[in-house]
Amino acid sequence: CALSGFTLDYYAIGWFRQAPGKEREGVSCISSTGAN
């Protein structure tokens, strides 16, 4: 996931997925520092 237009340091990033016939679900998340 490549981000542009803002500083990444302050934000958490989540990965989500949506399979056919299903609602979007959260897969993973990482905190702003990567500690969590």
Full PDB file with SEQRES, HELIX, SHEET, SSBOND, CRYST1, ORIGX, SCALE, CONECT and MASTER records, all heavy atoms in Angstrom:
SEQRES   1 A   36  CYS ALA LEU SER GLY PHE THR LEU ASP TYR TYR ALA ILE          
SEQRES   2 A   36  GLY TRP PHE ARG GLN ALA PRO GLY LYS GLU ARG GLU GLY          
SEQRES   3 A   36  VAL SER CYS ILE SER SER THR GLY ALA ASN                      
HELIX    1 AA1 LEU A    8  TYR A   10  5                                   3    
SHEET    1 AA1 2 ILE A  13  ARG A  17  0                                        
SHEET    2 AA1 2 GLU A  25  ILE A  30 -1                                        
CRYST1    1.000    1.000    1.000  90.00  90.00  90.00 P 1           1          
ORIGX1      1.000000  0.000000  0.000000        0.00000                         
ORIGX2      0.000000  1.000000  0.000000        0.00000                         
ORIGX3      0.000000  0.000000  1.000000        0.00000                         
SCALE1      1.000000  0.000000  0.000000        0.00000                         
SCALE2      0.000000  1.000000  0.000000        0.00000                         
SCALE3      0.000000  0.000000  1.000000        0.00000                         
ATOM      1  N   CYS A   1       0.862  -1.168   0.000  1.00  0.00           N  
ATOM      2  CA  CYS A   1       0.000   0.000   0.000  1.00  0.00           C  
ATOM      3  C   CYS A   1       0.901   1.221   0.000  1.00  0.00           C  
ATOM      4  O   CYS A   1       1.621   1.457   0.975  1.00  0.00           O  
ATOM      5  CB  CYS A   1      -0.917  -0.008   1.222  1.00  0.00           C  
ATOM      6  SG  CYS A   1      -1.988   1.438   1.381  1.00  0.00           S  
ATOM      7  N   ALA A   2       0.882   1.963  -1.079  1.00  0.00           N  
ATOM      8  CA  ALA A   2       1.683   3.166  -1.207  1.00  0.00           C  
ATOM      9  C   ALA A   2       0.820   4.389  -0.915  1.00  0.00           C  
ATOM     10  O   ALA A   2      -0.246   4.550  -1.507  1.00  0.00           O  
ATOM     11  CB  ALA A   2       2.278   3.263  -2.609  1.00  0.00           C  
ATOM     12  N   LEU A   3       1.294   5.229  -0.017  1.00  0.00           N  
ATOM     13  CA  LEU A   3       0.546   6.405   0.396  1.00  0.00           C  
ATOM     14  C   LEU A   3       1.268   7.674  -0.034  1.00  0.00           C  
ATOM     15  O   LEU A   3       2.492   7.752   0.039  1.00  0.00           O  
ATOM     16  CB  LEU A   3       0.341   6.424   1.907  1.00  0.00           C  
ATOM     17  CG  LEU A   3      -0.447   5.260   2.493  1.00  0.00           C  
ATOM     18  CD1 LEU A   3       0.494   4.155   2.973  1.00  0.00           C  
ATOM     19  CD2 LEU A   3      -1.326   5.722   3.641  1.00  0.00           C  
ATOM     20  N   SER A   4       0.515   8.651  -0.471  1.00  0.00           N  
ATOM     21  CA  SER A   4       1.073   9.934  -0.864  1.00  0.00           C  
ATOM     22  C   SER A   4       0.124  11.049  -0.468  1.00  0.00           C  
ATOM     23  O   SER A   4      -1.069  10.832  -0.266  1.00  0.00           O  
ATOM     24  CB  SER A   4       1.342   9.974  -2.374  1.00  0.00           C  
ATOM     25  OG  SER A   4       0.138   9.839  -3.108  1.00  0.00           O  
ATOM     26  N   GLY A   5       0.670  12.250  -0.340  1.00  0.00           N  
ATOM     27  CA  GLY A   5      -0.141  13.408  -0.019  1.00  0.00           C  
ATOM     28  C   GLY A   5      -0.254  13.731   1.461  1.00  0.00           C  
ATOM     29  O   GLY A   5      -0.872  14.739   1.809  1.00  0.00           O  
ATOM     30  N   PHE A   6       0.313  12.912   2.321  1.00  0.00           N  
ATOM     31  CA  PHE A   6       0.308  13.163   3.750  1.00  0.00           C  
ATOM     32  C   PHE A   6       1.437  12.388   4.398  1.00  0.00           C  
ATOM     33  O   PHE A   6       2.022  11.493   3.783  1.00  0.00           O  
ATOM     34  CB  PHE A   6      -1.042  12.800   4.378  1.00  0.00           C  
ATOM     35  CG  PHE A   6      -1.341  11.332   4.361  1.00  0.00           C  
ATOM     36  CD1 PHE A   6      -1.145  10.553   5.493  1.00  0.00           C  
ATOM     37  CD2 PHE A   6      -1.834  10.726   3.220  1.00  0.00           C  
ATOM     38  CE1 PHE A   6      -1.430   9.203   5.477  1.00  0.00           C  
ATOM     39  CE2 PHE A   6      -2.119   9.370   3.192  1.00  0.00           C  
ATOM     40  CZ  PHE A   6      -1.916   8.610   4.327  1.00  0.00           C  
ATOM     41  N   THR A   7       1.725  12.726   5.643  1.00  0.00           N  
ATOM     42  CA  THR A   7       2.785  12.054   6.385  1.00  0.00           C  
ATOM     43  C   THR A   7       2.239  10.800   7.032  1.00  0.00           C  
ATOM     44  O   THR A   7       1.297  10.854   7.818  1.00  0.00           O  
ATOM     45  CB  THR A   7       3.377  12.981   7.459  1.00  0.00           C  
ATOM     46  OG1 THR A   7       3.897  14.154   6.838  1.00  0.00           O  
ATOM     47  CG2 THR A   7       4.496  12.282   8.205  1.00  0.00           C  
ATOM     48  N   LEU A   8       2.837   9.673   6.714  1.00  0.00           N  
ATOM     49  CA  LEU A   8       2.362   8.388   7.194  1.00  0.00           C  
ATOM     50  C   LEU A   8       2.535   8.214   8.695  1.00  0.00           C  
ATOM     51  O   LEU A   8       1.780   7.476   9.327  1.00  0.00           O  
ATOM     52  CB  LEU A   8       3.088   7.269   6.438  1.00  0.00           C  
ATOM     53  CG  LEU A   8       2.709   5.828   6.748  1.00  0.00           C  
ATOM     54  CD1 LEU A   8       1.243   5.579   6.437  1.00  0.00           C  
ATOM     55  CD2 LEU A   8       3.604   4.877   5.970  1.00  0.00           C  
ATOM     56  N   ASP A   9       3.499   8.896   9.277  1.00  0.00           N  
ATOM     57  CA  ASP A   9       3.896   8.682  10.675  1.00  0.00           C  
ATOM     58  C   ASP A   9       2.756   8.753  11.675  1.00  0.00           C  
ATOM     59  O   ASP A   9       2.801   8.086  12.709  1.00  0.00           O  
ATOM     60  CB  ASP A   9       4.953   9.704  11.082  1.00  0.00           C  
ATOM     61  CG  ASP A   9       6.191   9.675  10.219  1.00  0.00           C  
ATOM     62  OD1 ASP A   9       6.122   9.209   9.071  1.00  0.00           O  
ATOM     63  OD2 ASP A   9       7.242  10.137  10.704  1.00  0.00           O  
ATOM     64  N   TYR A  10       1.741   9.553  11.405  1.00  0.00           N  
ATOM     65  CA  TYR A  10       0.711   9.829  12.404  1.00  0.00           C  
ATOM     66  C   TYR A  10      -0.515   8.934  12.302  1.00  0.00           C  
ATOM     67  O   TYR A  10      -1.438   9.081  13.117  1.00  0.00           O  
ATOM     68  CB  TYR A  10       0.260  11.285  12.292  1.00  0.00           C  
ATOM     69  CG  TYR A  10       1.387  12.270  12.469  1.00  0.00           C  
ATOM     70  CD1 TYR A  10       1.902  12.970  11.389  1.00  0.00           C  
ATOM     71  CD2 TYR A  10       1.935  12.493  13.725  1.00  0.00           C  
ATOM     72  CE1 TYR A  10       2.938  13.876  11.554  1.00  0.00           C  
ATOM     73  CE2 TYR A  10       2.971  13.394  13.900  1.00  0.00           C  
ATOM     74  CZ  TYR A  10       3.466  14.083  12.813  1.00  0.00           C  
ATOM     75  OH  TYR A  10       4.496  14.982  12.984  1.00  0.00           O  
ATOM     76  N   TYR A  11      -0.544   8.012  11.378  1.00  0.00           N  
ATOM     77  CA  TYR A  11      -1.776   7.289  11.100  1.00  0.00           C  
ATOM     78  C   TYR A  11      -1.597   5.787  11.150  1.00  0.00           C  
ATOM     79  O   TYR A  11      -0.564   5.240  10.768  1.00  0.00           O  
ATOM     80  CB  TYR A  11      -2.326   7.690   9.734  1.00  0.00           C  
ATOM     81  CG  TYR A  11      -2.613   9.163   9.634  1.00  0.00           C  
ATOM     82  CD1 TYR A  11      -1.722  10.023   9.009  1.00  0.00           C  
ATOM     83  CD2 TYR A  11      -3.777   9.690  10.185  1.00  0.00           C  
ATOM     84  CE1 TYR A  11      -1.975  11.376   8.929  1.00  0.00           C  
ATOM     85  CE2 TYR A  11      -4.036  11.045  10.108  1.00  0.00           C  
ATOM     86  CZ  TYR A  11      -3.131  11.884   9.478  1.00  0.00           C  
ATOM     87  OH  TYR A  11      -3.391  13.225   9.398  1.00  0.00           O  
ATOM     88  N   ALA A  12      -2.645   5.134  11.623  1.00  0.00           N  
ATOM     89  CA  ALA A  12      -2.740   3.688  11.519  1.00  0.00           C  
ATOM     90  C   ALA A  12      -3.203   3.305  10.114  1.00  0.00           C  
ATOM     91  O   ALA A  12      -3.918   4.062   9.461  1.00  0.00           O  
ATOM     92  CB  ALA A  12      -3.716   3.147  12.559  1.00  0.00           C  
ATOM     93  N   ILE A  13      -2.799   2.123   9.675  1.00  0.00           N  
ATOM     94  CA  ILE A  13      -3.198   1.616   8.369  1.00  0.00           C  
ATOM     95  C   ILE A  13      -3.851   0.258   8.549  1.00  0.00           C  
ATOM     96  O   ILE A  13      -3.291  -0.623   9.205  1.00  0.00           O  
ATOM     97  CB  ILE A  13      -2.010   1.500   7.412  1.00  0.00           C  
ATOM     98  CG1 ILE A  13      -1.286   2.838   7.265  1.00  0.00           C  
ATOM     99  CG2 ILE A  13      -2.481   0.988   6.047  1.00  0.00           C  
ATOM    100  CD1 ILE A  13      -2.127   3.938   6.644  1.00  0.00           C  
ATOM    101  N   GLY A  14      -5.017   0.110   7.977  1.00  0.00           N  
ATOM    102  CA  GLY A  14      -5.717  -1.158   8.022  1.00  0.00           C  
ATOM    103  C   GLY A  14      -5.806  -1.799   6.655  1.00  0.00           C  
ATOM    104  O   GLY A  14      -5.853  -1.117   5.633  1.00  0.00           O  
ATOM    105  N   TRP A  15      -5.801  -3.121   6.648  1.00  0.00           N  
ATOM    106  CA  TRP A  15      -6.089  -3.905   5.450  1.00  0.00           C  
ATOM    107  C   TRP A  15      -7.463  -4.539   5.604  1.00  0.00           C  
ATOM    108  O   TRP A  15      -7.771  -5.111   6.657  1.00  0.00           O  
ATOM    109  CB  TRP A  15      -5.043  -4.989   5.221  1.00  0.00           C  
ATOM    110  CG  TRP A  15      -3.760  -4.498   4.627  1.00  0.00           C  
ATOM    111  CD1 TRP A  15      -2.601  -4.221   5.287  1.00  0.00           C  
ATOM    112  CD2 TRP A  15      -3.498  -4.239   3.244  1.00  0.00           C  
ATOM    113  NE1 TRP A  15      -1.636  -3.811   4.411  1.00  0.00           N  
ATOM    114  CE2 TRP A  15      -2.161  -3.807   3.137  1.00  0.00           C  
ATOM    115  CE3 TRP A  15      -4.257  -4.329   2.079  1.00  0.00           C  
ATOM    116  CZ2 TRP A  15      -1.565  -3.466   1.930  1.00  0.00           C  
ATOM    117  CZ3 TRP A  15      -3.670  -3.985   0.868  1.00  0.00           C  
ATOM    118  CH2 TRP A  15      -2.345  -3.561   0.804  1.00  0.00           C  
ATOM    119  N   PHE A  16      -8.246  -4.467   4.548  1.00  0.00           N  
ATOM    120  CA  PHE A  16      -9.592  -5.014   4.530  1.00  0.00           C  
ATOM    121  C   PHE A  16      -9.758  -5.877   3.290  1.00  0.00           C  
ATOM    122  O   PHE A  16      -8.993  -5.764   2.336  1.00  0.00           O  
ATOM    123  CB  PHE A  16     -10.634  -3.895   4.529  1.00  0.00           C  
ATOM    124  CG  PHE A  16     -10.573  -3.013   5.741  1.00  0.00           C  
ATOM    125  CD1 PHE A  16      -9.638  -1.993   5.829  1.00  0.00           C  
ATOM    126  CD2 PHE A  16     -11.451  -3.204   6.789  1.00  0.00           C  
ATOM    127  CE1 PHE A  16      -9.576  -1.176   6.941  1.00  0.00           C  
ATOM    128  CE2 PHE A  16     -11.402  -2.394   7.909  1.00  0.00           C  
ATOM    129  CZ  PHE A  16     -10.463  -1.386   7.986  1.00  0.00           C  
ATOM    130  N   ARG A  17     -10.770  -6.717   3.303  1.00  0.00           N  
ATOM    131  CA  ARG A  17     -11.061  -7.525   2.123  1.00  0.00           C  
ATOM    132  C   ARG A  17     -12.563  -7.734   2.001  1.00  0.00           C  
ATOM    133  O   ARG A  17     -13.300  -7.700   2.981  1.00  0.00           O  
ATOM    134  CB  ARG A  17     -10.351  -8.874   2.177  1.00  0.00           C  
ATOM    135  CG  ARG A  17     -10.844  -9.808   3.271  1.00  0.00           C  
ATOM    136  CD  ARG A  17      -9.983 -11.049   3.339  1.00  0.00           C  
ATOM    137  NE  ARG A  17     -10.403 -11.945   4.407  1.00  0.00           N  
ATOM    138  CZ  ARG A  17      -9.695 -12.973   4.844  1.00  0.00           C  
ATOM    139  NH1 ARG A  17      -8.516 -13.247   4.288  1.00  0.00           N  
ATOM    140  NH2 ARG A  17     -10.158 -13.739   5.820  1.00  0.00           N  
ATOM    141  N   GLN A  18     -12.976  -7.950   0.771  1.00  0.00           N  
ATOM    142  CA  GLN A  18     -14.368  -8.254   0.497  1.00  0.00           C  
ATOM    143  C   GLN A  18     -14.424  -9.397  -0.506  1.00  0.00           C  
ATOM    144  O   GLN A  18     -13.961  -9.259  -1.637  1.00  0.00           O  
ATOM    145  CB  GLN A  18     -15.120  -7.038  -0.045  1.00  0.00           C  
ATOM    146  CG  GLN A  18     -16.611  -7.268  -0.197  1.00  0.00           C  
ATOM    147  CD  GLN A  18     -17.392  -5.992  -0.422  1.00  0.00           C  
ATOM    148  OE1 GLN A  18     -16.837  -4.978  -0.835  1.00  0.00           O  
ATOM    149  NE2 GLN A  18     -18.681  -6.036  -0.145  1.00  0.00           N  
ATOM    150  N   ALA A  19     -14.975 -10.510  -0.067  1.00  0.00           N  
ATOM    151  CA  ALA A  19     -15.123 -11.683  -0.905  1.00  0.00           C  
ATOM    152  C   ALA A  19     -16.481 -11.650  -1.589  1.00  0.00           C  
ATOM    153  O   ALA A  19     -17.409 -10.974  -1.128  1.00  0.00           O  
ATOM    154  CB  ALA A  19     -14.979 -12.951  -0.068  1.00  0.00           C  
ATOM    155  N   PRO A  20     -16.632 -12.384  -2.684  1.00  0.00           N  
ATOM    156  CA  PRO A  20     -17.929 -12.409  -3.380  1.00  0.00           C  
ATOM    157  C   PRO A  20     -19.069 -12.821  -2.458  1.00  0.00           C  
ATOM    158  O   PRO A  20     -18.976 -13.825  -1.750  1.00  0.00           O  
ATOM    159  CB  PRO A  20     -17.710 -13.443  -4.488  1.00  0.00           C  
ATOM    160  CG  PRO A  20     -16.233 -13.413  -4.742  1.00  0.00           C  
ATOM    161  CD  PRO A  20     -15.611 -13.179  -3.390  1.00  0.00           C  
ATOM    162  N   GLY A  21     -20.128 -12.030  -2.450  1.00  0.00           N  
ATOM    163  CA  GLY A  21     -21.297 -12.331  -1.651  1.00  0.00           C  
ATOM    164  C   GLY A  21     -21.167 -12.041  -0.176  1.00  0.00           C  
ATOM    165  O   GLY A  21     -22.081 -12.367   0.590  1.00  0.00           O  
ATOM    166  N   LYS A  22     -20.072 -11.437   0.247  1.00  0.00           N  
ATOM    167  CA  LYS A  22     -19.850 -11.157   1.652  1.00  0.00           C  
ATOM    168  C   LYS A  22     -19.577  -9.676   1.879  1.00  0.00           C  
ATOM    169  O   LYS A  22     -19.206  -8.949   0.959  1.00  0.00           O  
ATOM    170  CB  LYS A  22     -18.681 -11.975   2.193  1.00  0.00           C  
ATOM    171  CG  LYS A  22     -18.889 -13.479   2.151  1.00  0.00           C  
ATOM    172  CD  LYS A  22     -17.720 -14.214   2.767  1.00  0.00           C  
ATOM    173  CE  LYS A  22     -17.934 -15.711   2.771  1.00  0.00           C  
ATOM    174  NZ  LYS A  22     -16.784 -16.429   3.378  1.00  0.00           N  
ATOM    175  N   GLU A  23     -19.765  -9.245   3.117  1.00  0.00           N  
ATOM    176  CA  GLU A  23     -19.451  -7.878   3.490  1.00  0.00           C  
ATOM    177  C   GLU A  23     -17.946  -7.700   3.656  1.00  0.00           C  
ATOM    178  O   GLU A  23     -17.209  -8.655   3.897  1.00  0.00           O  
ATOM    179  CB  GLU A  23     -20.164  -7.493   4.785  1.00  0.00           C  
ATOM    180  CG  GLU A  23     -21.678  -7.465   4.687  1.00  0.00           C  
ATOM    181  CD  GLU A  23     -22.327  -7.007   5.966  1.00  0.00           C  
ATOM    182  OE1 GLU A  23     -21.620  -6.822   6.973  1.00  0.00           O  
ATOM    183  OE2 GLU A  23     -23.552  -6.820   5.963  1.00  0.00           O  
ATOM    184  N   ARG A  24     -17.511  -6.468   3.545  1.00  0.00           N  
ATOM    185  CA  ARG A  24     -16.113  -6.158   3.770  1.00  0.00           C  
ATOM    186  C   ARG A  24     -15.744  -6.417   5.224  1.00  0.00           C  
ATOM    187  O   ARG A  24     -16.502  -6.093   6.141  1.00  0.00           O  
ATOM    188  CB  ARG A  24     -15.836  -4.704   3.403  1.00  0.00           C  
ATOM    189  CG  ARG A  24     -14.376  -4.300   3.504  1.00  0.00           C  
ATOM    190  CD  ARG A  24     -14.163  -2.936   2.886  1.00  0.00           C  
ATOM    191  NE  ARG A  24     -14.974  -1.917   3.529  1.00  0.00           N  
ATOM    192  CZ  ARG A  24     -15.283  -0.754   2.975  1.00  0.00           C  
ATOM    193  NH1 ARG A  24     -14.864  -0.475   1.743  1.00  0.00           N  
ATOM    194  NH2 ARG A  24     -16.018   0.122   3.630  1.00  0.00           N  
ATOM    195  N   GLU A  25     -14.582  -7.006   5.435  1.00  0.00           N  
ATOM    196  CA  GLU A  25     -14.132  -7.311   6.776  1.00  0.00           C  
ATOM    197  C   GLU A  25     -12.704  -6.823   6.990  1.00  0.00           C  
ATOM    198  O   GLU A  25     -11.910  -6.744   6.051  1.00  0.00           O  
ATOM    199  CB  GLU A  25     -14.209  -8.814   7.046  1.00  0.00           C  
ATOM    200  CG  GLU A  25     -13.295  -9.642   6.164  1.00  0.00           C  
ATOM    201  CD  GLU A  25     -13.294 -11.115   6.521  1.00  0.00           C  
ATOM    202  OE1 GLU A  25     -13.686 -11.463   7.656  1.00  0.00           O  
ATOM    203  OE2 GLU A  25     -12.896 -11.936   5.659  1.00  0.00           O  
ATOM    204  N   GLY A  26     -12.387  -6.526   8.230  1.00  0.00           N  
ATOM    205  CA  GLY A  26     -11.038  -6.145   8.573  1.00  0.00           C  
ATOM    206  C   GLY A  26     -10.129  -7.354   8.612  1.00  0.00           C  
ATOM    207  O   GLY A  26     -10.486  -8.397   9.166  1.00  0.00           O  
ATOM    208  N   VAL A  27      -8.949  -7.218   8.052  1.00  0.00           N  
ATOM    209  CA  VAL A  27      -7.965  -8.287   8.014  1.00  0.00           C  
ATOM    210  C   VAL A  27      -6.853  -8.039   9.024  1.00  0.00           C  
ATOM    211  O   VAL A  27      -6.484  -8.926   9.795  1.00  0.00           O  
ATOM    212  CB  VAL A  27      -7.373  -8.443   6.605  1.00  0.00           C  
ATOM    213  CG1 VAL A  27      -6.280  -9.506   6.590  1.00  0.00           C  
ATOM    214  CG2 VAL A  27      -8.464  -8.782   5.605  1.00  0.00           C  
ATOM    215  N   SER A  28      -6.316  -6.825   9.013  1.00  0.00           N  
ATOM    216  CA  SER A  28      -5.188  -6.497   9.875  1.00  0.00           C  
ATOM    217  C   SER A  28      -5.075  -4.992  10.009  1.00  0.00           C  
ATOM    218  O   SER A  28      -5.593  -4.241   9.176  1.00  0.00           O  
ATOM    219  CB  SER A  28      -3.892  -7.080   9.290  1.00  0.00           C  
ATOM    220  OG  SER A  28      -2.786  -6.843  10.142  1.00  0.00           O  
ATOM    221  N   CYS A  29      -4.385  -4.557  11.049  1.00  0.00           N  
ATOM    222  CA  CYS A  29      -4.147  -3.135  11.264  1.00  0.00           C  
ATOM    223  C   CYS A  29      -2.801  -2.960  11.936  1.00  0.00           C  
ATOM    224  O   CYS A  29      -2.385  -3.813  12.740  1.00  0.00           O  
ATOM    225  CB  CYS A  29      -5.247  -2.518  12.116  1.00  0.00           C  
ATOM    226  SG  CYS A  29      -5.132  -0.718  12.301  1.00  0.00           S  
ATOM    227  N   ILE A  30      -2.125  -1.873  11.618  1.00  0.00           N  
ATOM    228  CA  ILE A  30      -0.849  -1.548  12.233  1.00  0.00           C  
ATOM    229  C   ILE A  30      -0.900  -0.105  12.725  1.00  0.00           C  
ATOM    230  O   ILE A  30      -1.404   0.785  12.035  1.00  0.00           O  
ATOM    231  CB  ILE A  30       0.322  -1.776  11.250  1.00  0.00           C  
ATOM    232  CG1 ILE A  30       1.667  -1.600  11.950  1.00  0.00           C  
ATOM    233  CG2 ILE A  30       0.198  -0.873  10.032  1.00  0.00           C  
ATOM    234  CD1 ILE A  30       2.842  -2.143  11.137  1.00  0.00           C  
ATOM    235  N   SER A  31      -0.398   0.128  13.934  1.00  0.00           N  
ATOM    236  CA  SER A  31      -0.426   1.453  14.527  1.00  0.00           C  
ATOM    237  C   SER A  31       0.552   2.382  13.822  1.00  0.00           C  
ATOM    238  O   SER A  31       1.359   1.964  12.992  1.00  0.00           O  
ATOM    239  CB  SER A  31      -0.109   1.376  16.022  1.00  0.00           C  
ATOM    240  OG  SER A  31       1.204   0.880  16.235  1.00  0.00           O  
ATOM    241  N   SER A  32       0.488   3.664  14.174  1.00  0.00           N  
ATOM    242  CA  SER A  32       1.286   4.668  13.486  1.00  0.00           C  
ATOM    243  C   SER A  32       2.787   4.399  13.563  1.00  0.00           C  
ATOM    244  O   SER A  32       3.513   4.659  12.598  1.00  0.00           O  
ATOM    245  CB  SER A  32       0.975   6.061  14.041  1.00  0.00           C  
ATOM    246  OG  SER A  32       1.255   6.129  15.429  1.00  0.00           O  
ATOM    247  N   THR A  33       3.244   3.891  14.692  1.00  0.00           N  
ATOM    248  CA  THR A  33       4.664   3.600  14.862  1.00  0.00           C  
ATOM    249  C   THR A  33       5.032   2.177  14.470  1.00  0.00           C  
ATOM    250  O   THR A  33       6.223   1.855  14.375  1.00  0.00           O  
ATOM    251  CB  THR A  33       5.094   3.821  16.315  1.00  0.00           C  
ATOM    252  OG1 THR A  33       4.437   2.875  17.160  1.00  0.00           O  
ATOM    253  CG2 THR A  33       4.752   5.230  16.774  1.00  0.00           C  
ATOM    254  N   GLY A  34       4.050   1.336  14.265  1.00  0.00           N  
ATOM    255  CA  GLY A  34       4.301  -0.065  14.002  1.00  0.00           C  
ATOM    256  C   GLY A  34       4.452  -0.902  15.255  1.00  0.00           C  
ATOM    257  O   GLY A  34       4.686  -2.111  15.159  1.00  0.00           O  
ATOM    258  N   ALA A  35       4.314  -0.282  16.430  1.00  0.00           N  
ATOM    259  CA  ALA A  35       4.496  -1.001  17.678  1.00  0.00           C  
ATOM    260  C   ALA A  35       3.386  -2.005  17.945  1.00  0.00           C  
ATOM    261  O   ALA A  35       3.616  -3.028  18.597  1.00  0.00           O  
ATOM    262  CB  ALA A  35       4.594  -0.016  18.837  1.00  0.00           C  
ATOM    263  N   ASN A  36       2.197  -1.711  17.467  1.00  0.00           N  
ATOM    264  CA  ASN A  36       1.050  -2.572  17.712  1.00  0.00           C  
ATOM    265  C   ASN A  36       0.449  -3.035  16.397  1.00  0.00           C  
ATOM    266  O   ASN A  36       0.293  -2.247  15.461  1.00  0.00           O  
ATOM    267  CB  ASN A  36      -0.013  -1.834  18.532  1.00  0.00           C  
ATOM    268  CG  ASN A  36       0.478  -1.459  19.906  1.00  0.00           C  
ATOM    269  OD1 ASN A  36       1.093  -2.266  20.598  1.00  0.00           O  
ATOM    270  ND2 ASN A  36       0.207  -0.227  20.317  1.00  0.00           N  
TER     271      ASN A  36                                                      
MASTER        0    0    0    1    2    0    0    6  270    1    0    3          
END                                                                             
